[in-house]
């Protein structure tokens, strides 16, 4: 099947545009939440590594160590995702969403008692599960937890479409990747607003988005995804 050629055959439920956009919204949301509440990034481990070494080189070891737990939690989430793929096969993506929902609800409950442990570790693990499980949209590699690669693909495909001679579906591909960037930004904006306005209930919004994803993964018949 050619990249983003939806007419060439069935595509996986977890690669549909609807599901990937919902996940991008959740990805932006939880990154804004963890930055405001904990001062670390849930998804962007590049930023955490940079901050870690900037503070370490300045001899600010306490500040540097602050960025270690989310990196370790993200690593643990990747391991869990790999294990789910081995033991659950095609059900792995749905199970990972279920785990994400449970973890976010748990973080919301424990937020007042163990804010750093529950928030930093739990949400970084959620981000890792999503980053490892949902890596394509209609057959094309994408990310639902950061926009760098999506932005590059959007710009490259717009250029190819304008320049001429691009394969059929190039403009559609550009629009999808642009939408991923835009929705991620909207999620970050919603996360920033809700985290400040209703901090104790803020994680309920990405949980709703993930519940919709879970229902779509479980109820959409394979023959409908063409």
C-alpha atoms as a PDB file:
ATOM      1  CA  UNK A   1       0.000   0.000   0.000  1.00  0.00           C
ATOM      2  CA  UNK A   2       1.421   3.369  -0.961  1.00  0.00           C
ATOM      3  CA  UNK A   3       1.831   6.070   1.662  1.00  0.00           C
ATOM      4  CA  UNK A   4      -1.522   7.590   2.610  1.00  0.00           C
ATOM      5  CA  UNK A   5      -3.228   5.830  -0.312  1.00  0.00           C
ATOM      6  CA  UNK A   6      -6.436   4.920   1.447  1.00  0.00           C
ATOM      7  CA  UNK A   7      -7.947   3.405  -1.688  1.00  0.00           C
ATOM      8  CA  UNK A   8      -5.293   0.727  -1.967  1.00  0.00           C
ATOM      9  CA  UNK A   9      -6.744  -1.418   0.810  1.00  0.00           C
ATOM     10  CA  UNK A  10      -7.705  -1.613   4.436  1.00  0.00           C
ATOM     11  CA  UNK A  11      -5.696   0.355   6.965  1.00  0.00           C
ATOM     12  CA  UNK A  12      -5.308  -0.329  10.654  1.00  0.00           C
ATOM     13  CA  UNK A  13      -7.858   1.146  13.044  1.00  0.00           C
ATOM     14  CA  UNK A  14      -5.115   2.854  15.017  1.00  0.00           C
ATOM     15  CA  UNK A  15      -3.809   4.592  11.880  1.00  0.00           C
ATOM     16  CA  UNK A  16      -6.993   6.455  10.976  1.00  0.00           C
ATOM     17  CA  UNK A  17      -6.893  10.251  10.841  1.00  0.00           C
ATOM     18  CA  UNK A  18      -9.635  10.585  13.476  1.00  0.00           C
ATOM     19  CA  UNK A  19      -7.769   8.518  16.048  1.00  0.00           C
ATOM     20  CA  UNK A  20      -4.375  10.075  15.388  1.00  0.00           C
ATOM     21  CA  UNK A  21      -5.793  13.609  15.707  1.00  0.00           C
ATOM     22  CA  UNK A  22      -7.420  12.748  19.039  1.00  0.00           C
ATOM     23  CA  UNK A  23      -4.113  11.363  20.269  1.00  0.00           C
ATOM     24  CA  UNK A  24      -2.254  14.472  19.084  1.00  0.00           C
ATOM     25  CA  UNK A  25      -4.679  16.608  21.095  1.00  0.00           C
ATOM     26  CA  UNK A  26      -4.029  14.454  24.181  1.00  0.00           C
ATOM     27  CA  UNK A  27      -0.271  14.577  23.545  1.00  0.00           C
ATOM     28  CA  UNK A  28      -0.164  18.364  23.467  1.00  0.00           C
ATOM     29  CA  UNK A  29      -2.468  18.592  26.472  1.00  0.00           C
ATOM     30  CA  UNK A  30      -0.445  16.399  28.812  1.00  0.00           C
ATOM     31  CA  UNK A  31       2.828  18.082  27.829  1.00  0.00           C
ATOM     32  CA  UNK A  32       1.369  21.457  28.819  1.00  0.00           C
ATOM     33  CA  UNK A  33       0.028  19.937  32.046  1.00  0.00           C
ATOM     34  CA  UNK A  34       3.345  18.429  33.126  1.00  0.00           C
ATOM     35  CA  UNK A  35       5.291  21.570  32.234  1.00  0.00           C
ATOM     36  CA  UNK A  36       3.009  23.806  34.277  1.00  0.00           C
ATOM     37  CA  UNK A  37       2.649  21.436  37.248  1.00  0.00           C
ATOM     38  CA  UNK A  38       6.053  19.747  37.364  1.00  0.00           C
ATOM     39  CA  UNK A  39       8.408  21.849  35.219  1.00  0.00           C
ATOM     40  CA  UNK A  40       9.317  18.888  32.973  1.00  0.00           C
ATOM     41  CA  UNK A  41       8.150  17.650  29.584  1.00  0.00           C
ATOM     42  CA  UNK A  42       6.110  14.448  29.372  1.00  0.00           C
ATOM     43  CA  UNK A  43       6.704  13.814  25.668  1.00  0.00           C
ATOM     44  CA  UNK A  44       9.753  15.830  24.606  1.00  0.00           C
ATOM     45  CA  UNK A  45      12.580  13.916  26.248  1.00  0.00           C
ATOM     46  CA  UNK A  46      15.029  15.894  24.112  1.00  0.00           C
ATOM     47  CA  UNK A  47      14.141  18.978  26.151  1.00  0.00           C
ATOM     48  CA  UNK A  48      14.498  17.054  29.418  1.00  0.00           C
ATOM     49  CA  UNK A  49      17.963  15.806  28.423  1.00  0.00           C
ATOM     50  CA  UNK A  50      19.050  19.313  27.424  1.00  0.00           C
ATOM     51  CA  UNK A  51      17.835  20.831  30.698  1.00  0.00           C
ATOM     52  CA  UNK A  52      19.462  17.998  32.644  1.00  0.00           C
ATOM     53  CA  UNK A  53      22.891  18.630  31.128  1.00  0.00           C
ATOM     54  CA  UNK A  54      22.608  22.419  31.192  1.00  0.00           C
ATOM     55  CA  UNK A  55      22.008  22.313  34.949  1.00  0.00           C
ATOM     56  CA  UNK A  56      24.574  19.554  35.494  1.00  0.00           C
ATOM     57  CA  UNK A  57      27.305  21.512  33.693  1.00  0.00           C
ATOM     58  CA  UNK A  58      26.467  24.461  35.927  1.00  0.00           C
ATOM     59  CA  UNK A  59      26.857  22.317  39.016  1.00  0.00           C
ATOM     60  CA  UNK A  60      23.143  22.581  39.828  1.00  0.00           C
ATOM     61  CA  UNK A  61      22.749  18.900  40.639  1.00  0.00           C
ATOM     62  CA  UNK A  62      19.350  19.148  42.345  1.00  0.00           C
ATOM     63  CA  UNK A  63      17.879  20.916  39.319  1.00  0.00           C
ATOM     64  CA  UNK A  64      19.561  18.421  36.987  1.00  0.00           C
ATOM     65  CA  UNK A  65      18.170  15.428  38.885  1.00  0.00           C
ATOM     66  CA  UNK A  66      14.671  16.895  38.540  1.00  0.00           C
ATOM     67  CA  UNK A  67      14.726  15.813  34.883  1.00  0.00           C
ATOM     68  CA  UNK A  68      15.939  12.250  35.491  1.00  0.00           C
ATOM     69  CA  UNK A  69      12.638  10.639  36.684  1.00  0.00           C
ATOM     70  CA  UNK A  70      10.597  11.538  33.568  1.00  0.00           C
ATOM     71  CA  UNK A  71      13.373  10.183  31.330  1.00  0.00           C
ATOM     72  CA  UNK A  72      13.418   6.904  33.276  1.00  0.00           C
ATOM     73  CA  UNK A  73       9.615   6.713  33.301  1.00  0.00           C
ATOM     74  CA  UNK A  74       9.527   7.303  29.549  1.00  0.00           C
ATOM     75  CA  UNK A  75      12.034   4.470  29.105  1.00  0.00           C
ATOM     76  CA  UNK A  76       9.865   2.172  31.229  1.00  0.00           C
ATOM     77  CA  UNK A  77       6.841   3.073  29.111  1.00  0.00           C
ATOM     78  CA  UNK A  78       8.688   2.089  25.923  1.00  0.00           C
ATOM     79  CA  UNK A  79       9.536  -1.290  27.491  1.00  0.00           C
ATOM     80  CA  UNK A  80       5.904  -1.826  28.479  1.00  0.00           C
ATOM     81  CA  UNK A  81       4.783  -0.968  24.940  1.00  0.00           C
ATOM     82  CA  UNK A  82       7.258  -3.467  23.465  1.00  0.00           C
ATOM     83  CA  UNK A  83       6.009  -6.133  25.867  1.00  0.00           C
ATOM     84  CA  UNK A  84       2.374  -5.436  24.966  1.00  0.00           C
ATOM     85  CA  UNK A  85       3.146  -5.830  21.267  1.00  0.00           C
ATOM     86  CA  UNK A  86       4.702  -9.230  21.961  1.00  0.00           C
ATOM     87  CA  UNK A  87       1.926 -10.616  24.146  1.00  0.00           C
ATOM     88  CA  UNK A  88      -1.165  -8.938  22.695  1.00  0.00           C
ATOM     89  CA  UNK A  89      -0.469  -8.581  18.981  1.00  0.00           C
ATOM     90  CA  UNK A  90      -3.098  -6.460  17.223  1.00  0.00           C
ATOM     91  CA  UNK A  91      -4.829  -5.784  20.546  1.00  0.00           C
ATOM     92  CA  UNK A  92      -1.742  -4.026  21.891  1.00  0.00           C
ATOM     93  CA  UNK A  93      -2.767  -0.532  20.812  1.00  0.00           C
ATOM     94  CA  UNK A  94      -6.193  -0.763  22.460  1.00  0.00           C
ATOM     95  CA  UNK A  95      -4.660  -2.211  25.631  1.00  0.00           C
ATOM     96  CA  UNK A  96      -2.083   0.570  25.726  1.00  0.00           C
ATOM     97  CA  UNK A  97      -4.884   3.164  25.576  1.00  0.00           C
ATOM     98  CA  UNK A  98      -6.632   1.385  28.443  1.00  0.00           C
ATOM     99  CA  UNK A  99      -3.402   1.507  30.473  1.00  0.00           C
ATOM    100  CA  UNK A 100      -3.027   5.220  29.661  1.00  0.00           C
ATOM    101  CA  UNK A 101      -6.558   5.933  30.878  1.00  0.00           C
ATOM    102  CA  UNK A 102      -6.034   4.016  34.127  1.00  0.00           C
ATOM    103  CA  UNK A 103      -2.714   5.753  34.788  1.00  0.00           C
ATOM    104  CA  UNK A 104      -4.124   9.239  34.116  1.00  0.00           C
ATOM    105  CA  UNK A 105      -7.081   8.592  36.423  1.00  0.00           C
ATOM    106  CA  UNK A 106      -4.674   7.330  39.096  1.00  0.00           C
ATOM    107  CA  UNK A 107      -2.478  10.405  38.672  1.00  0.00           C
ATOM    108  CA  UNK A 108      -5.542  12.620  39.041  1.00  0.00           C
ATOM    109  CA  UNK A 109      -6.512  10.852  42.272  1.00  0.00           C
ATOM    110  CA  UNK A 110      -2.995  10.887  43.754  1.00  0.00           C
ATOM    111  CA  UNK A 111      -2.145  14.392  42.550  1.00  0.00           C
ATOM    112  CA  UNK A 112      -2.693  16.053  45.941  1.00  0.00           C
ATOM    113  CA  UNK A 113      -0.904  13.361  47.970  1.00  0.00           C
ATOM    114  CA  UNK A 114       2.045  12.388  45.773  1.00  0.00           C
ATOM    115  CA  UNK A 115       2.213  15.073  43.088  1.00  0.00           C
ATOM    116  CA  UNK A 116       5.781  14.530  41.886  1.00  0.00           C
ATOM    117  CA  UNK A 117       5.743  10.727  41.945  1.00  0.00           C
ATOM    118  CA  UNK A 118       2.300  10.304  40.417  1.00  0.00           C
ATOM    119  CA  UNK A 119       2.497  13.152  37.942  1.00  0.00           C
ATOM    120  CA  UNK A 120       6.036  13.026  36.610  1.00  0.00           C
ATOM    121  CA  UNK A 121       6.425   9.264  36.492  1.00  0.00           C
ATOM    122  CA  UNK A 122       2.874   8.341  35.548  1.00  0.00           C
ATOM    123  CA  UNK A 123       2.357  10.870  32.780  1.00  0.00           C
ATOM    124  CA  UNK A 124       5.775  10.293  31.226  1.00  0.00           C
ATOM    125  CA  UNK A 125       4.964   6.583  31.043  1.00  0.00           C
ATOM    126  CA  UNK A 126       1.644   7.426  29.370  1.00  0.00           C
ATOM    127  CA  UNK A 127       3.486   9.580  26.841  1.00  0.00           C
ATOM    128  CA  UNK A 128       5.927   6.758  26.090  1.00  0.00           C
ATOM    129  CA  UNK A 129       3.128   4.247  25.497  1.00  0.00           C
ATOM    130  CA  UNK A 130       1.469   6.601  23.044  1.00  0.00           C
ATOM    131  CA  UNK A 131       4.739   7.461  21.316  1.00  0.00           C
ATOM    132  CA  UNK A 132       5.637   3.789  20.853  1.00  0.00           C
ATOM    133  CA  UNK A 133       2.218   2.435  19.883  1.00  0.00           C
ATOM    134  CA  UNK A 134       0.801   5.056  17.537  1.00  0.00           C
ATOM    135  CA  UNK A 135       3.468   5.797  14.970  1.00  0.00           C
ATOM    136  CA  UNK A 136       1.576   5.967  11.665  1.00  0.00           C
ATOM    137  CA  UNK A 137      -1.358   7.686  10.023  1.00  0.00           C
ATOM    138  CA  UNK A 138      -2.764   5.846   7.006  1.00  0.00           C
ATOM    139  CA  UNK A 139       0.552   4.070   6.555  1.00  0.00           C
ATOM    140  CA  UNK A 140       2.817   7.132   6.886  1.00  0.00           C
ATOM    141  CA  UNK A 141       5.152   7.564   9.850  1.00  0.00           C
ATOM    142  CA  UNK A 142       3.986  10.308  12.204  1.00  0.00           C
ATOM    143  CA  UNK A 143       4.066  11.342  15.849  1.00  0.00           C
ATOM    144  CA  UNK A 144       1.186  12.137  18.187  1.00  0.00           C
ATOM    145  CA  UNK A 145       3.446  13.438  20.967  1.00  0.00           C
ATOM    146  CA  UNK A 146       5.573  16.059  19.182  1.00  0.00           C
ATOM    147  CA  UNK A 147       5.368  18.072  15.978  1.00  0.00           C
ATOM    148  CA  UNK A 148       8.922  18.316  14.599  1.00  0.00           C
ATOM    149  CA  UNK A 149       8.652  15.405  12.175  1.00  0.00           C
ATOM    150  CA  UNK A 150       5.042  16.211  11.304  1.00  0.00           C
ATOM    151  CA  UNK A 151       5.952  19.816  10.479  1.00  0.00           C
ATOM    152  CA  UNK A 152       8.814  18.664   8.261  1.00  0.00           C
ATOM    153  CA  UNK A 153       6.581  16.267   6.352  1.00  0.00           C
ATOM    154  CA  UNK A 154       3.846  18.873   5.944  1.00  0.00           C
ATOM    155  CA  UNK A 155       6.253  21.465   4.508  1.00  0.00           C
ATOM    156  CA  UNK A 156       8.018  18.925   2.270  1.00  0.00           C
ATOM    157  CA  UNK A 157       4.744  17.713   0.798  1.00  0.00           C
ATOM    158  CA  UNK A 158       3.365  21.219   0.270  1.00  0.00           C
ATOM    159  CA  UNK A 159       6.590  22.034  -1.593  1.00  0.00           C
ATOM    160  CA  UNK A 160       6.290  18.852  -3.673  1.00  0.00           C
ATOM    161  CA  UNK A 161       2.660  19.614  -4.543  1.00  0.00           C
ATOM    162  CA  UNK A 162       3.460  23.212  -5.542  1.00  0.00           C
ATOM    163  CA  UNK A 163       6.603  22.296  -7.457  1.00  0.00           C
ATOM    164  CA  UNK A 164       4.702  19.748  -9.527  1.00  0.00           C
ATOM    165  CA  UNK A 165       5.093  16.109 -10.443  1.00  0.00           C
ATOM    166  CA  UNK A 166       4.245  14.883  -6.926  1.00  0.00           C
ATOM    167  CA  UNK A 167       2.450  11.533  -6.516  1.00  0.00           C
ATOM    168  CA  UNK A 168      -1.317  11.446  -6.113  1.00  0.00           C
ATOM    169  CA  UNK A 169      -2.282  12.111  -2.501  1.00  0.00           C
ATOM    170  CA  UNK A 170       0.687  14.381  -1.712  1.00  0.00           C
ATOM    171  CA  UNK A 171      -1.496  17.380  -0.895  1.00  0.00           C
ATOM    172  CA  UNK A 172      -3.758  15.224   1.291  1.00  0.00           C
ATOM    173  CA  UNK A 173      -0.681  14.029   3.128  1.00  0.00           C
ATOM    174  CA  UNK A 174       0.474  17.615   3.676  1.00  0.00           C
ATOM    175  CA  UNK A 175      -2.936  18.603   5.060  1.00  0.00           C
ATOM    176  CA  UNK A 176      -3.010  15.649   7.476  1.00  0.00           C
ATOM    177  CA  UNK A 177       0.416  16.471   8.886  1.00  0.00           C
ATOM    178  CA  UNK A 178      -0.468  20.159   9.153  1.00  0.00           C
ATOM    179  CA  UNK A 179      -3.636  19.149  11.026  1.00  0.00           C
ATOM    180  CA  UNK A 180      -1.557  17.040  13.421  1.00  0.00           C
ATOM    181  CA  UNK A 181       0.613  20.070  14.233  1.00  0.00           C
ATOM    182  CA  UNK A 182      -2.411  22.339  14.658  1.00  0.00           C
ATOM    183  CA  UNK A 183      -4.342  19.913  16.851  1.00  0.00           C
ATOM    184  CA  UNK A 184      -1.269  19.264  19.010  1.00  0.00           C
ATOM    185  CA  UNK A 185      -1.025  23.031  19.537  1.00  0.00           C
ATOM    186  CA  UNK A 186      -4.730  23.242  20.382  1.00  0.00           C
ATOM    187  CA  UNK A 187      -4.236  20.454  22.906  1.00  0.00           C
ATOM    188  CA  UNK A 188      -1.347  22.349  24.504  1.00  0.00           C
ATOM    189  CA  UNK A 189      -3.477  25.502  24.683  1.00  0.00           C
ATOM    190  CA  UNK A 190      -6.392  23.600  26.232  1.00  0.00           C
ATOM    191  CA  UNK A 191      -4.015  21.901  28.665  1.00  0.00           C
ATOM    192  CA  UNK A 192      -2.488  25.201  29.757  1.00  0.00           C
ATOM    193  CA  UNK A 193      -5.898  26.791  30.301  1.00  0.00           C
ATOM    194  CA  UNK A 194      -7.454  23.834  32.141  1.00  0.00           C
ATOM    195  CA  UNK A 195      -4.378  23.197  34.295  1.00  0.00           C
ATOM    196  CA  UNK A 196      -4.532  26.747  35.617  1.00  0.00           C
ATOM    197  CA  UNK A 197      -8.320  26.970  35.822  1.00  0.00           C
ATOM    198  CA  UNK A 198      -9.222  23.520  37.202  1.00  0.00           C
ATOM    199  CA  UNK A 199      -5.936  21.827  38.235  1.00  0.00           C
ATOM    200  CA  UNK A 200      -7.605  19.039  40.208  1.00  0.00           C
ATOM    201  CA  UNK A 201      -9.839  18.058  37.275  1.00  0.00           C
ATOM    202  CA  UNK A 202      -7.588  18.952  34.357  1.00  0.00           C
ATOM    203  CA  UNK A 203      -6.600  15.366  33.504  1.00  0.00           C
ATOM    204  CA  UNK A 204     -10.236  14.464  32.883  1.00  0.00           C
ATOM    205  CA  UNK A 205     -10.105  16.072  29.427  1.00  0.00           C
ATOM    206  CA  UNK A 206      -7.356  13.856  27.916  1.00  0.00           C
ATOM    207  CA  UNK A 207      -9.025  10.855  29.568  1.00  0.00           C
ATOM    208  CA  UNK A 208     -12.193  11.641  27.588  1.00  0.00           C
ATOM    209  CA  UNK A 209     -10.164  11.903  24.363  1.00  0.00           C
ATOM    210  CA  UNK A 210      -8.493   8.559  25.084  1.00  0.00           C
ATOM    211  CA  UNK A 211     -11.844   6.931  25.888  1.00  0.00           C
ATOM    212  CA  UNK A 212     -13.109   7.983  22.462  1.00  0.00           C
ATOM    213  CA  UNK A 213      -9.965   6.503  20.896  1.00  0.00           C
ATOM    214  CA  UNK A 214     -10.492   3.245  22.799  1.00  0.00           C
ATOM    215  CA  UNK A 215     -14.125   3.019  21.702  1.00  0.00           C
ATOM    216  CA  UNK A 216     -13.186   3.710  18.076  1.00  0.00           C
ATOM    217  CA  UNK A 217     -10.449   1.072  18.187  1.00  0.00           C
ATOM    218  CA  UNK A 218     -12.857  -1.487  19.622  1.00  0.00           C
ATOM    219  CA  UNK A 219     -16.033  -0.770  17.672  1.00  0.00           C
ATOM    220  CA  UNK A 220     -14.949   0.216  14.160  1.00  0.00           C
ATOM    221  CA  UNK A 221     -15.356  -2.813  11.848  1.00  0.00           C
ATOM    222  CA  UNK A 222     -12.264  -3.601   9.762  1.00  0.00           C
ATOM    223  CA  UNK A 223     -14.239  -3.462   6.507  1.00  0.00           C
ATOM    224  CA  UNK A 224     -15.190   0.162   7.236  1.00  0.00           C
ATOM    225  CA  UNK A 225     -11.590   1.332   7.229  1.00  0.00           C
ATOM    226  CA  UNK A 226     -10.711   1.587   3.558  1.00  0.00           C
END
